[in-house]
């Protein structure tokens, strides 16, 4: 069975964001959540843990935030692109 993730328009870039939203403009109503990397329940949509650090691959060209997945940022660019 396919599970669909609910999307909403990001107020920063107007693109469809899913889950907790883009890290550039996270949804505050989607916390707490369980971190997929450390398994802890966290109250911050911009949570970063040590298990996540070596997996970060993208930076937002707009705000400079770092992310593991490009879908988490409004204007993602690979970190090694600079």
PDB file of N, CA and C in Angstrom:
ATOM      1  N   UNK A   1       0.836  -1.181   0.000  1.00  0.00           N
ATOM      2  CA  UNK A   1       0.000   0.000   0.000  1.00  0.00           C
ATOM      3  C   UNK A   1       0.883   1.247   0.000  1.00  0.00           C
ATOM      4  N   UNK A   2       0.570   2.190  -0.854  1.00  0.00           N
ATOM      5  CA  UNK A   2       1.327   3.429  -0.951  1.00  0.00           C
ATOM      6  C   UNK A   2       0.838   4.417   0.092  1.00  0.00           C
ATOM      7  N   UNK A   3       1.798   5.027   0.805  1.00  0.00           N
ATOM      8  CA  UNK A   3       1.443   6.058   1.769  1.00  0.00           C
ATOM      9  C   UNK A   3       1.815   7.410   1.177  1.00  0.00           C
ATOM     10  N   UNK A   4       0.888   8.345   1.201  1.00  0.00           N
ATOM     11  CA  UNK A   4       1.125   9.668   0.653  1.00  0.00           C
ATOM     12  C   UNK A   4       1.451  10.644   1.768  1.00  0.00           C
ATOM     13  N   UNK A   5       2.397  11.528   1.507  1.00  0.00           N
ATOM     14  CA  UNK A   5       2.779  12.542   2.475  1.00  0.00           C
ATOM     15  C   UNK A   5       2.018  13.810   2.129  1.00  0.00           C
ATOM     16  N   UNK A   6       1.379  14.389   3.114  1.00  0.00           N
ATOM     17  CA  UNK A   6       0.615  15.609   2.903  1.00  0.00           C
ATOM     18  C   UNK A   6       1.579  16.762   2.624  1.00  0.00           C
ATOM     19  N   UNK A   7       1.272  17.576   1.633  1.00  0.00           N
ATOM     20  CA  UNK A   7       2.125  18.709   1.297  1.00  0.00           C
ATOM     21  C   UNK A   7       1.386  20.021   1.545  1.00  0.00           C
ATOM     22  N   UNK A   8       2.152  21.088   1.623  1.00  0.00           N
ATOM     23  CA  UNK A   8       1.587  22.420   1.763  1.00  0.00           C
ATOM     24  C   UNK A   8       2.535  23.398   1.075  1.00  0.00           C
ATOM     25  N   UNK A   9       2.055  24.588   0.669  1.00  0.00           N
ATOM     26  CA  UNK A   9       2.955  25.539   0.011  1.00  0.00           C
ATOM     27  C   UNK A   9       3.885  26.202   1.028  1.00  0.00           C
ATOM     28  N   UNK A  10       5.177  26.141   0.782  1.00  0.00           N
ATOM     29  CA  UNK A  10       6.164  26.769   1.667  1.00  0.00           C
ATOM     30  C   UNK A  10       5.991  28.283   1.597  1.00  0.00           C
ATOM     31  N   UNK A  11       5.864  28.973   2.731  1.00  0.00           N
ATOM     32  CA  UNK A  11       5.694  30.426   2.697  1.00  0.00           C
ATOM     33  C   UNK A  11       6.934  31.171   2.214  1.00  0.00           C
ATOM     34  N   UNK A  12       8.096  30.515   2.206  1.00  0.00           N
ATOM     35  CA  UNK A  12       9.324  31.163   1.755  1.00  0.00           C
ATOM     36  C   UNK A  12       9.474  31.095   0.240  1.00  0.00           C
ATOM     37  N   UNK A  13       9.371  29.872  -0.321  1.00  0.00           N
ATOM     38  CA  UNK A  13       9.633  29.712  -1.756  1.00  0.00           C
ATOM     39  C   UNK A  13       8.397  29.343  -2.568  1.00  0.00           C
ATOM     40  N   UNK A  14       7.273  29.087  -1.918  1.00  0.00           N
ATOM     41  CA  UNK A  14       5.995  28.728  -2.555  1.00  0.00           C
ATOM     42  C   UNK A  14       5.981  27.331  -3.174  1.00  0.00           C
ATOM     43  N   UNK A  15       7.080  26.581  -3.066  1.00  0.00           N
ATOM     44  CA  UNK A  15       7.112  25.210  -3.580  1.00  0.00           C
ATOM     45  C   UNK A  15       6.382  24.287  -2.601  1.00  0.00           C
ATOM     46  N   UNK A  16       5.995  23.114  -3.071  1.00  0.00           N
ATOM     47  CA  UNK A  16       5.325  22.147  -2.203  1.00  0.00           C
ATOM     48  C   UNK A  16       6.338  21.567  -1.226  1.00  0.00           C
ATOM     49  N   UNK A  17       6.050  21.698   0.039  1.00  0.00           N
ATOM     50  CA  UNK A  17       6.889  21.138   1.092  1.00  0.00           C
ATOM     51  C   UNK A  17       6.099  20.035   1.780  1.00  0.00           C
ATOM     52  N   UNK A  18       6.807  19.055   2.300  1.00  0.00           N
ATOM     53  CA  UNK A  18       6.104  17.943   2.935  1.00  0.00           C
ATOM     54  C   UNK A  18       6.582  17.721   4.355  1.00  0.00           C
ATOM     55  N   UNK A  19       5.844  16.923   5.081  1.00  0.00           N
ATOM     56  CA  UNK A  19       6.221  16.572   6.441  1.00  0.00           C
ATOM     57  C   UNK A  19       6.357  17.803   7.324  1.00  0.00           C
ATOM     58  N   UNK A  20       7.573  18.031   7.867  1.00  0.00           N
ATOM     59  CA  UNK A  20       7.804  19.161   8.760  1.00  0.00           C
ATOM     60  C   UNK A  20       8.090  20.442   7.990  1.00  0.00           C
ATOM     61  N   UNK A  21       8.058  20.392   6.671  1.00  0.00           N
ATOM     62  CA  UNK A  21       8.310  21.566   5.858  1.00  0.00           C
ATOM     63  C   UNK A  21       9.770  21.730   5.534  1.00  0.00           C
ATOM     64  N   UNK A  22      10.103  22.806   4.861  1.00  0.00           N
ATOM     65  CA  UNK A  22      11.499  23.102   4.558  1.00  0.00           C
ATOM     66  C   UNK A  22      12.178  23.621   5.812  1.00  0.00           C
ATOM     67  N   UNK A  23      13.453  23.312   5.982  1.00  0.00           N
ATOM     68  CA  UNK A  23      14.190  23.798   7.146  1.00  0.00           C
ATOM     69  C   UNK A  23      14.311  25.313   7.116  1.00  0.00           C
ATOM     70  N   UNK A  24      14.168  25.905   5.924  1.00  0.00           N
ATOM     71  CA  UNK A  24      14.195  27.360   5.793  1.00  0.00           C
ATOM     72  C   UNK A  24      12.976  27.971   6.485  1.00  0.00           C
ATOM     73  N   UNK A  25      11.868  27.242   6.479  1.00  0.00           N
ATOM     74  CA  UNK A  25      10.636  27.718   7.101  1.00  0.00           C
ATOM     75  C   UNK A  25       9.847  26.507   7.599  1.00  0.00           C
ATOM     76  N   UNK A  26      10.276  25.904   8.723  1.00  0.00           N
ATOM     77  CA  UNK A  26       9.635  24.669   9.195  1.00  0.00           C
ATOM     78  C   UNK A  26       8.239  24.907   9.761  1.00  0.00           C
ATOM     79  N   UNK A  27       7.429  23.870   9.723  1.00  0.00           N
ATOM     80  CA  UNK A  27       6.094  23.926  10.320  1.00  0.00           C
ATOM     81  C   UNK A  27       6.221  23.652  11.811  1.00  0.00           C
ATOM     82  N   UNK A  28       5.725  24.548  12.599  1.00  0.00           N
ATOM     83  CA  UNK A  28       5.804  24.388  14.054  1.00  0.00           C
ATOM     84  C   UNK A  28       4.723  23.441  14.576  1.00  0.00           C
ATOM     85  N   UNK A  29       3.679  23.216  13.782  1.00  0.00           N
ATOM     86  CA  UNK A  29       2.605  22.333  14.229  1.00  0.00           C
ATOM     87  C   UNK A  29       2.931  20.853  13.999  1.00  0.00           C
ATOM     88  N   UNK A  30       4.067  20.555  13.397  1.00  0.00           N
ATOM     89  CA  UNK A  30       4.429  19.162  13.113  1.00  0.00           C
ATOM     90  C   UNK A  30       5.464  18.620  14.102  1.00  0.00           C
ATOM     91  N   UNK A  31       5.638  19.280  15.225  1.00  0.00           N
ATOM     92  CA  UNK A  31       6.550  18.798  16.267  1.00  0.00           C
ATOM     93  C   UNK A  31       5.727  18.436  17.491  1.00  0.00           C
ATOM     94  N   UNK A  32       6.135  17.526  18.329  1.00  0.00           N
ATOM     95  CA  UNK A  32       7.385  16.776  18.249  1.00  0.00           C
ATOM     96  C   UNK A  32       7.325  15.701  17.170  1.00  0.00           C
ATOM     97  N   UNK A  33       8.508  15.227  16.785  1.00  0.00           N
ATOM     98  CA  UNK A  33       8.629  14.143  15.822  1.00  0.00           C
ATOM     99  C   UNK A  33       9.805  13.273  16.243  1.00  0.00           C
ATOM    100  N   UNK A  34       9.891  12.087  15.673  1.00  0.00           N
ATOM    101  CA  UNK A  34      10.995  11.184  15.982  1.00  0.00           C
ATOM    102  C   UNK A  34      12.067  11.341  14.913  1.00  0.00           C
ATOM    103  N   UNK A  35      13.281  11.653  15.329  1.00  0.00           N
ATOM    104  CA  UNK A  35      14.409  11.817  14.406  1.00  0.00           C
ATOM    105  C   UNK A  35      14.738  10.481  13.761  1.00  0.00           C
ATOM    106  N   UNK A  36      14.829  10.457  12.446  1.00  0.00           N
ATOM    107  CA  UNK A  36      15.134   9.200  11.746  1.00  0.00           C
ATOM    108  C   UNK A  36      16.583   8.765  11.925  1.00  0.00           C
ATOM    109  N   UNK A  37      17.442   9.644  12.426  1.00  0.00           N
ATOM    110  CA  UNK A  37      18.854   9.321  12.584  1.00  0.00           C
ATOM    111  C   UNK A  37      19.212   8.874  13.996  1.00  0.00           C
ATOM    112  N   UNK A  38      18.666   9.558  15.022  1.00  0.00           N
ATOM    113  CA  UNK A  38      19.015   9.182  16.397  1.00  0.00           C
ATOM    114  C   UNK A  38      17.860   8.521  17.147  1.00  0.00           C
ATOM    115  N   UNK A  39      16.644   8.599  16.591  1.00  0.00           N
ATOM    116  CA  UNK A  39      15.500   7.945  17.204  1.00  0.00           C
ATOM    117  C   UNK A  39      14.864   8.688  18.365  1.00  0.00           C
ATOM    118  N   UNK A  40      15.399   9.869  18.707  1.00  0.00           N
ATOM    119  CA  UNK A  40      14.838  10.639  19.816  1.00  0.00           C
ATOM    120  C   UNK A  40      13.621  11.439  19.379  1.00  0.00           C
ATOM    121  N   UNK A  41      12.722  11.688  20.314  1.00  0.00           N
ATOM    122  CA  UNK A  41      11.591  12.575  20.079  1.00  0.00           C
ATOM    123  C   UNK A  41      12.076  13.996  20.329  1.00  0.00           C
ATOM    124  N   UNK A  42      11.951  14.853  19.313  1.00  0.00           N
ATOM    125  CA  UNK A  42      12.478  16.213  19.418  1.00  0.00           C
ATOM    126  C   UNK A  42      11.399  17.246  19.123  1.00  0.00           C
ATOM    127  N   UNK A  43      11.562  18.425  19.731  1.00  0.00           N
ATOM    128  CA  UNK A  43      10.597  19.509  19.574  1.00  0.00           C
ATOM    129  C   UNK A  43      11.058  20.602  18.618  1.00  0.00           C
ATOM    130  N   UNK A  44      12.210  20.416  17.982  1.00  0.00           N
ATOM    131  CA  UNK A  44      12.745  21.432  17.088  1.00  0.00           C
ATOM    132  C   UNK A  44      12.807  20.870  15.670  1.00  0.00           C
ATOM    133  N   UNK A  45      12.077  21.483  14.733  1.00  0.00           N
ATOM    134  CA  UNK A  45      12.059  21.003  13.350  1.00  0.00           C
ATOM    135  C   UNK A  45      13.430  21.115  12.695  1.00  0.00           C
ATOM    136  N   UNK A  46      14.308  21.941  13.256  1.00  0.00           N
ATOM    137  CA  UNK A  46      15.656  22.112  12.711  1.00  0.00           C
ATOM    138  C   UNK A  46      16.690  21.301  13.495  1.00  0.00           C
ATOM    139  N   UNK A  47      16.239  20.276  14.185  1.00  0.00           N
ATOM    140  CA  UNK A  47      17.084  19.387  14.982  1.00  0.00           C
ATOM    141  C   UNK A  47      18.255  18.829  14.164  1.00  0.00           C
ATOM    142  N   UNK A  48      19.451  18.862  14.724  1.00  0.00           N
ATOM    143  CA  UNK A  48      20.636  18.238  14.135  1.00  0.00           C
ATOM    144  C   UNK A  48      21.297  17.420  15.234  1.00  0.00           C
ATOM    145  N   UNK A  49      21.589  16.154  14.948  1.00  0.00           N
ATOM    146  CA  UNK A  49      22.256  15.285  15.916  1.00  0.00           C
ATOM    147  C   UNK A  49      23.569  14.792  15.316  1.00  0.00           C
ATOM    148  N   UNK A  50      24.416  14.220  16.147  1.00  0.00           N
ATOM    149  CA  UNK A  50      25.726  13.760  15.677  1.00  0.00           C
ATOM    150  C   UNK A  50      25.599  12.675  14.612  1.00  0.00           C
ATOM    151  N   UNK A  51      24.557  11.856  14.681  1.00  0.00           N
ATOM    152  CA  UNK A  51      24.346  10.806  13.677  1.00  0.00           C
ATOM    153  C   UNK A  51      24.027  11.400  12.302  1.00  0.00           C
ATOM    154  N   UNK A  52      23.526  12.606  12.286  1.00  0.00           N
ATOM    155  CA  UNK A  52      23.107  13.266  11.057  1.00  0.00           C
ATOM    156  C   UNK A  52      24.266  14.027  10.389  1.00  0.00           C
ATOM    157  N   UNK A  53      25.234  14.474  11.167  1.00  0.00           N
ATOM    158  CA  UNK A  53      26.280  15.368  10.668  1.00  0.00           C
ATOM    159  C   UNK A  53      27.051  14.841   9.467  1.00  0.00           C
ATOM    160  N   UNK A  54      27.440  13.577   9.478  1.00  0.00           N
ATOM    161  CA  UNK A  54      28.223  13.050   8.360  1.00  0.00           C
ATOM    162  C   UNK A  54      27.377  12.746   7.129  1.00  0.00           C
ATOM    163  N   UNK A  55      26.062  12.910   7.233  1.00  0.00           N
ATOM    164  CA  UNK A  55      25.165  12.652   6.108  1.00  0.00           C
ATOM    165  C   UNK A  55      24.702  13.941   5.427  1.00  0.00           C
ATOM    166  N   UNK A  56      25.040  15.107   5.983  1.00  0.00           N
ATOM    167  CA  UNK A  56      24.604  16.384   5.416  1.00  0.00           C
ATOM    168  C   UNK A  56      25.279  16.589   4.062  1.00  0.00           C
ATOM    169  N   UNK A  57      24.456  16.844   3.038  1.00  0.00           N
ATOM    170  CA  UNK A  57      24.965  16.989   1.679  1.00  0.00           C
ATOM    171  C   UNK A  57      24.548  18.275   0.987  1.00  0.00           C
ATOM    172  N   UNK A  58      23.587  19.021   1.555  1.00  0.00           N
ATOM    173  CA  UNK A  58      23.045  20.186   0.868  1.00  0.00           C
ATOM    174  C   UNK A  58      23.085  21.440   1.731  1.00  0.00           C
ATOM    175  N   UNK A  59      23.204  22.575   1.058  1.00  0.00           N
ATOM    176  CA  UNK A  59      23.139  23.880   1.701  1.00  0.00           C
ATOM    177  C   UNK A  59      22.097  24.693   0.936  1.00  0.00           C
ATOM    178  N   UNK A  60      21.348  25.509   1.638  1.00  0.00           N
ATOM    179  CA  UNK A  60      20.355  26.359   0.992  1.00  0.00           C
ATOM    180  C   UNK A  60      21.058  27.617   0.485  1.00  0.00           C
ATOM    181  N   UNK A  61      20.905  27.922  -0.798  1.00  0.00           N
ATOM    182  CA  UNK A  61      21.520  29.112  -1.378  1.00  0.00           C
ATOM    183  C   UNK A  61      20.862  30.379  -0.858  1.00  0.00           C
ATOM    184  N   UNK A  62      19.661  30.258  -0.300  1.00  0.00           N
ATOM    185  CA  UNK A  62      18.942  31.416   0.206  1.00  0.00           C
ATOM    186  C   UNK A  62      19.310  31.762   1.652  1.00  0.00           C
ATOM    187  N   UNK A  63      19.262  30.765   2.544  1.00  0.00           N
ATOM    188  CA  UNK A  63      19.454  31.053   3.968  1.00  0.00           C
ATOM    189  C   UNK A  63      20.706  30.422   4.575  1.00  0.00           C
ATOM    190  N   UNK A  64      21.376  29.507   3.846  1.00  0.00           N
ATOM    191  CA  UNK A  64      22.597  28.893   4.348  1.00  0.00           C
ATOM    192  C   UNK A  64      22.400  27.698   5.257  1.00  0.00           C
ATOM    193  N   UNK A  65      21.168  27.263   5.482  1.00  0.00           N
ATOM    194  CA  UNK A  65      20.929  26.093   6.328  1.00  0.00           C
ATOM    195  C   UNK A  65      21.429  24.829   5.639  1.00  0.00           C
ATOM    196  N   UNK A  66      21.854  23.866   6.449  1.00  0.00           N
ATOM    197  CA  UNK A  66      22.364  22.596   5.945  1.00  0.00           C
ATOM    198  C   UNK A  66      21.301  21.518   6.087  1.00  0.00           C
ATOM    199  N   UNK A  67      21.311  20.535   5.175  1.00  0.00           N
ATOM    200  CA  UNK A  67      20.316  19.466   5.231  1.00  0.00           C
ATOM    201  C   UNK A  67      20.871  18.187   4.631  1.00  0.00           C
ATOM    202  N   UNK A  68      20.261  17.077   5.017  1.00  0.00           N
ATOM    203  CA  UNK A  68      20.617  15.764   4.493  1.00  0.00           C
ATOM    204  C   UNK A  68      19.981  15.572   3.118  1.00  0.00           C
ATOM    205  N   UNK A  69      18.734  16.001   2.951  1.00  0.00           N
ATOM    206  CA  UNK A  69      17.993  15.812   1.704  1.00  0.00           C
ATOM    207  C   UNK A  69      17.730  17.154   1.039  1.00  0.00           C
ATOM    208  N   UNK A  70      17.801  17.204  -0.285  1.00  0.00           N
ATOM    209  CA  UNK A  70      17.542  18.456  -0.994  1.00  0.00           C
ATOM    210  C   UNK A  70      16.101  18.929  -0.832  1.00  0.00           C
ATOM    211  N   UNK A  71      15.179  18.009  -0.614  1.00  0.00           N
ATOM    212  CA  UNK A  71      13.771  18.364  -0.462  1.00  0.00           C
ATOM    213  C   UNK A  71      13.493  19.129   0.840  1.00  0.00           C
ATOM    214  N   UNK A  72      14.486  19.226   1.723  1.00  0.00           N
ATOM    215  CA  UNK A  72      14.302  19.928   2.993  1.00  0.00           C
ATOM    216  C   UNK A  72      14.615  21.419   2.896  1.00  0.00           C
ATOM    217  N   UNK A  73      15.092  21.878   1.751  1.00  0.00           N
ATOM    218  CA  UNK A  73      15.516  23.262   1.605  1.00  0.00           C
ATOM    219  C   UNK A  73      14.782  23.952   0.461  1.00  0.00           C
ATOM    220  N   UNK A  74      14.667  25.271   0.545  1.00  0.00           N
ATOM    221  CA  UNK A  74      14.002  26.049  -0.497  1.00  0.00           C
ATOM    222  C   UNK A  74      14.861  26.159  -1.763  1.00  0.00           C
ATOM    223  N   UNK A  75      16.155  26.412  -1.600  1.00  0.00           N
ATOM    224  CA  UNK A  75      17.066  26.539  -2.744  1.00  0.00           C
ATOM    225  C   UNK A  75      18.298  25.654  -2.507  1.00  0.00           C
ATOM    226  N   UNK A  76      18.130  24.326  -2.610  1.00  0.00           N
ATOM    227  CA  UNK A  76      19.236  23.423  -2.291  1.00  0.00           C
ATOM    228  C   UNK A  76      20.350  23.431  -3.328  1.00  0.00           C
ATOM    229  N   UNK A  77      21.566  23.282  -2.839  1.00  0.00           N
ATOM    230  CA  UNK A  77      22.741  23.119  -3.686  1.00  0.00           C
ATOM    231  C   UNK A  77      23.659  22.127  -2.976  1.00  0.00           C
ATOM    232  N   UNK A  78      24.310  21.244  -3.729  1.00  0.00           N
ATOM    233  CA  UNK A  78      25.240  20.320  -3.106  1.00  0.00           C
ATOM    234  C   UNK A  78      26.354  21.100  -2.403  1.00  0.00           C
ATOM    235  N   UNK A  79      26.772  20.645  -1.236  1.00  0.00           N
ATOM    236  CA  UNK A  79      27.811  21.347  -0.469  1.00  0.00           C
ATOM    237  C   UNK A  79      29.102  21.437  -1.268  1.00  0.00           C
ATOM    238  N   UNK A  80      29.453  20.415  -2.021  1.00  0.00           N
ATOM    239  CA  UNK A  80      30.706  20.417  -2.761  1.00  0.00           C
ATOM    240  C   UNK A  80      30.662  21.260  -4.038  1.00  0.00           C
ATOM    241  N   UNK A  81      29.523  21.919  -4.311  1.00  0.00           N
ATOM    242  CA  UNK A  81      29.375  22.750  -5.506  1.00  0.00           C
ATOM    243  C   UNK A  81      30.147  24.058  -5.395  1.00  0.00           C
ATOM    244  N   UNK A  82      30.413  24.485  -4.169  1.00  0.00           N
ATOM    245  CA  UNK A  82      31.079  25.761  -3.964  1.00  0.00           C
ATOM    246  C   UNK A  82      32.511  25.619  -4.333  1.00  0.00           C
TER     247      UNK A  82
END
